[in-house]
Amino acid sequence: MKRLIAFGVTFLLLALVGAPPAPGQPRGKNVEKLMRAKLKHSQVLLEGISIGDFKKISASAEELLQLTKTEEWLMHKTPKYQMHSNEFQRAAETLIRKAKEKNIDGTTLAFFDMTMSCVRCHQHVREIRDAKWPNAPSEALRFVSTDFKLDSRSP
């Protein structure tokens, strides 16, 4: 169970690492606040799954569903973004239904589906950013050392 929790938290954190603001495009405090709330409710949801607290699961999924109704949630108006948003909403609704049924396997699978929708959506948002600003440095490159060598034998 600890592995599942660690995997879930790691996966969720990776999903929430969205695109950094593009040059000249401030992200906005409201979007950051929304993402922090999304992370908080997702963590509580995962905790509920790990301890089998169906009320906590349902309440957290309800809170996540409410976030999808905010203006900040709809930051992109592309069909693909809308599709990912709909997947997230369906997964949250499934979480609520499975929690009411006290189905731990169903809630776990719905949580995984919801997390995957986050990953796919954040990937899409990065693609939008990269298409608009192809010369913008990748966020991931910040963490790569310039001294890194692929082959230990190389000079």
Protein backbone atom coordinates (compact mmCIF):
# COMPACT_ATOMS: atom_id res chain seq x y z
CA MET A 1 0.00 0.00 0.00
CA LYS A 2 2.91 2.37 0.75
CA ARG A 3 4.22 1.80 -2.78
CA LEU A 4 0.80 2.69 -4.20
CA ILE A 5 0.70 5.89 -2.17
CA ALA A 6 4.26 6.84 -3.11
CA PHE A 7 3.57 6.06 -6.76
CA GLY A 8 0.33 8.01 -6.70
CA VAL A 9 1.85 11.10 -5.08
CA THR A 10 4.84 11.03 -7.44
CA PHE A 11 2.60 10.55 -10.46
CA LEU A 12 0.30 13.34 -9.33
CA LEU A 13 3.18 15.75 -8.76
CA LEU A 14 4.51 15.00 -12.21
CA ALA A 15 1.07 15.58 -13.65
CA LEU A 16 0.79 18.92 -11.93
CA VAL A 17 4.11 20.20 -13.22
CA GLY A 18 2.59 22.19 -15.99
CA ALA A 19 4.08 24.46 -18.52
CA PRO A 20 5.91 27.44 -17.11
CA PRO A 21 4.63 30.82 -18.18
CA ALA A 22 5.66 31.73 -21.68
CA PRO A 23 7.77 34.84 -22.23
CA GLY A 24 5.53 37.86 -21.90
CA GLN A 25 2.62 35.74 -20.62
CA PRO A 26 2.35 35.79 -16.83
CA ARG A 27 0.66 32.69 -15.51
CA GLY A 28 -1.46 34.51 -13.00
CA LYS A 29 -2.01 34.04 -9.31
CA ASN A 30 -5.47 32.58 -9.87
CA VAL A 31 -4.18 29.70 -12.00
CA GLU A 32 -1.44 28.96 -9.47
CA LYS A 33 -4.04 29.01 -6.70
CA LEU A 34 -6.23 26.63 -8.73
CA MET A 35 -3.34 24.20 -9.27
CA ARG A 36 -2.44 24.26 -5.59
CA ALA A 37 -6.07 23.50 -4.70
CA LYS A 38 -6.10 20.70 -7.27
CA LEU A 39 -2.98 19.20 -5.72
CA LYS A 40 -4.33 19.55 -2.18
CA HIS A 41 -7.63 17.85 -2.98
CA SER A 42 -5.85 15.14 -4.97
CA GLN A 43 -3.56 14.40 -2.04
CA VAL A 44 -6.52 14.15 0.34
CA LEU A 45 -8.28 11.92 -2.19
CA LEU A 46 -5.25 9.61 -2.38
CA GLU A 47 -5.11 9.53 1.41
CA GLY A 48 -8.79 8.55 1.46
CA ILE A 49 -8.12 5.73 -0.97
CA SER A 50 -5.15 4.48 1.01
CA ILE A 51 -7.10 4.29 4.28
CA GLY A 52 -10.44 3.32 2.74
CA ASP A 53 -12.22 6.51 3.88
CA PHE A 54 -15.02 6.77 1.33
CA LYS A 55 -16.36 10.04 2.75
CA LYS A 56 -12.95 11.64 2.27
CA ILE A 57 -12.73 10.22 -1.26
CA SER A 58 -16.16 11.54 -2.19
CA ALA A 59 -15.62 14.98 -0.63
CA SER A 60 -12.26 15.44 -2.34
CA ALA A 61 -13.61 14.32 -5.70
CA GLU A 62 -16.51 16.77 -5.28
CA GLU A 63 -14.04 19.58 -4.59
CA LEU A 64 -12.03 18.63 -7.68
CA LEU A 65 -15.19 18.59 -9.76
CA GLN A 66 -16.05 22.09 -8.51
CA LEU A 67 -12.62 23.34 -9.62
CA THR A 68 -13.48 22.37 -13.20
CA LYS A 69 -16.31 24.89 -13.14
CA THR A 70 -14.03 27.89 -12.51
CA GLU A 71 -12.88 30.40 -15.10
CA GLU A 72 -9.20 29.60 -14.41
CA TRP A 73 -9.79 25.94 -15.28
CA LEU A 74 -10.81 26.88 -18.81
CA MET A 75 -7.53 28.60 -19.65
CA HIS A 76 -7.32 27.12 -23.15
CA LYS A 77 -10.16 26.92 -25.60
CA THR A 78 -8.91 24.09 -27.79
CA PRO A 79 -10.94 20.95 -28.54
CA LYS A 80 -8.15 18.76 -27.17
CA TYR A 81 -8.03 20.73 -23.91
CA GLN A 82 -11.81 20.40 -23.60
CA MET A 83 -11.54 16.65 -24.20
CA HIS A 84 -8.97 16.30 -21.38
CA SER A 85 -11.12 18.43 -19.11
CA ASN A 86 -14.14 16.23 -19.85
CA GLU A 87 -12.07 13.10 -19.08
CA PHE A 88 -11.07 14.61 -15.75
CA GLN A 89 -14.70 15.44 -14.92
CA ARG A 90 -15.90 11.94 -15.84
CA ALA A 91 -13.18 10.38 -13.69
CA ALA A 92 -14.14 12.63 -10.74
CA GLU A 93 -17.80 11.67 -11.17
CA THR A 94 -16.81 8.00 -11.28
CA LEU A 95 -14.78 8.48 -8.10
CA ILE A 96 -17.82 9.90 -6.35
CA ARG A 97 -20.05 7.07 -7.58
CA LYS A 98 -17.54 4.35 -6.63
CA ALA A 99 -17.01 5.93 -3.20
CA LYS A 100 -20.77 5.85 -2.59
CA GLU A 101 -20.71 2.16 -3.59
CA LYS A 102 -17.75 1.66 -1.20
CA ASN A 103 -15.78 0.13 -4.07
CA ILE A 104 -12.08 0.63 -3.29
CA ASP A 105 -10.89 -0.98 -6.53
CA GLY A 106 -13.23 1.22 -8.55
CA THR A 107 -12.10 4.37 -6.74
CA THR A 108 -8.46 3.44 -7.24
CA LEU A 109 -8.96 2.90 -10.97
CA ALA A 110 -10.92 6.14 -11.30
CA PHE A 111 -8.15 7.99 -9.45
CA PHE A 112 -5.62 6.56 -11.89
CA ASP A 113 -7.84 7.60 -14.83
CA MET A 114 -8.15 11.10 -13.40
CA THR A 115 -4.39 11.37 -12.88
CA MET A 116 -3.73 10.21 -16.43
CA SER A 117 -6.11 12.88 -17.72
CA CYS A 118 -4.01 15.42 -15.80
CA VAL A 119 -0.80 14.13 -17.35
CA ARG A 120 -2.23 14.21 -20.87
CA CYS A 121 -3.70 17.68 -20.38
CA HIS A 122 -0.49 19.14 -18.96
CA GLN A 123 1.38 17.61 -21.88
CA HIS A 124 -1.06 19.29 -24.26
CA VAL A 125 -0.58 22.64 -22.51
CA ARG A 126 3.20 22.28 -22.91
CA GLU A 127 2.68 21.50 -26.61
CA ILE A 128 0.61 24.68 -26.97
CA ARG A 129 3.36 26.67 -25.28
CA ASP A 130 6.10 25.10 -27.38
CA ALA A 131 4.18 25.76 -30.60
CA LYS A 132 3.78 29.44 -29.71
CA TRP A 133 7.31 29.89 -28.37
CA PRO A 134 9.53 27.23 -29.97
CA ASN A 135 12.72 28.86 -28.70
CA ALA A 136 11.59 28.97 -25.08
CA PRO A 137 13.81 26.77 -22.89
CA SER A 138 12.24 23.62 -21.58
CA GLU A 139 11.48 23.55 -17.87
CA ALA A 140 13.07 20.10 -17.68
CA LEU A 141 16.41 21.42 -18.94
CA ARG A 142 16.80 23.49 -15.78
CA PHE A 143 17.56 20.31 -13.88
CA VAL A 144 20.09 18.85 -16.28
CA SER A 145 23.65 19.58 -15.28
CA THR A 146 25.94 20.93 -17.96
CA ASP A 147 28.64 18.59 -16.65
CA PHE A 148 26.52 15.50 -17.30
CA LYS A 149 28.25 12.92 -19.51
CA LEU A 150 26.44 10.03 -21.11
CA ASP A 151 29.53 7.87 -21.23
CA SER A 152 31.81 7.78 -18.21
CA ARG A 153 34.73 7.15 -20.57
CA SER A 154 34.19 10.36 -22.48
CA PRO A 155 36.55 13.27 -21.73
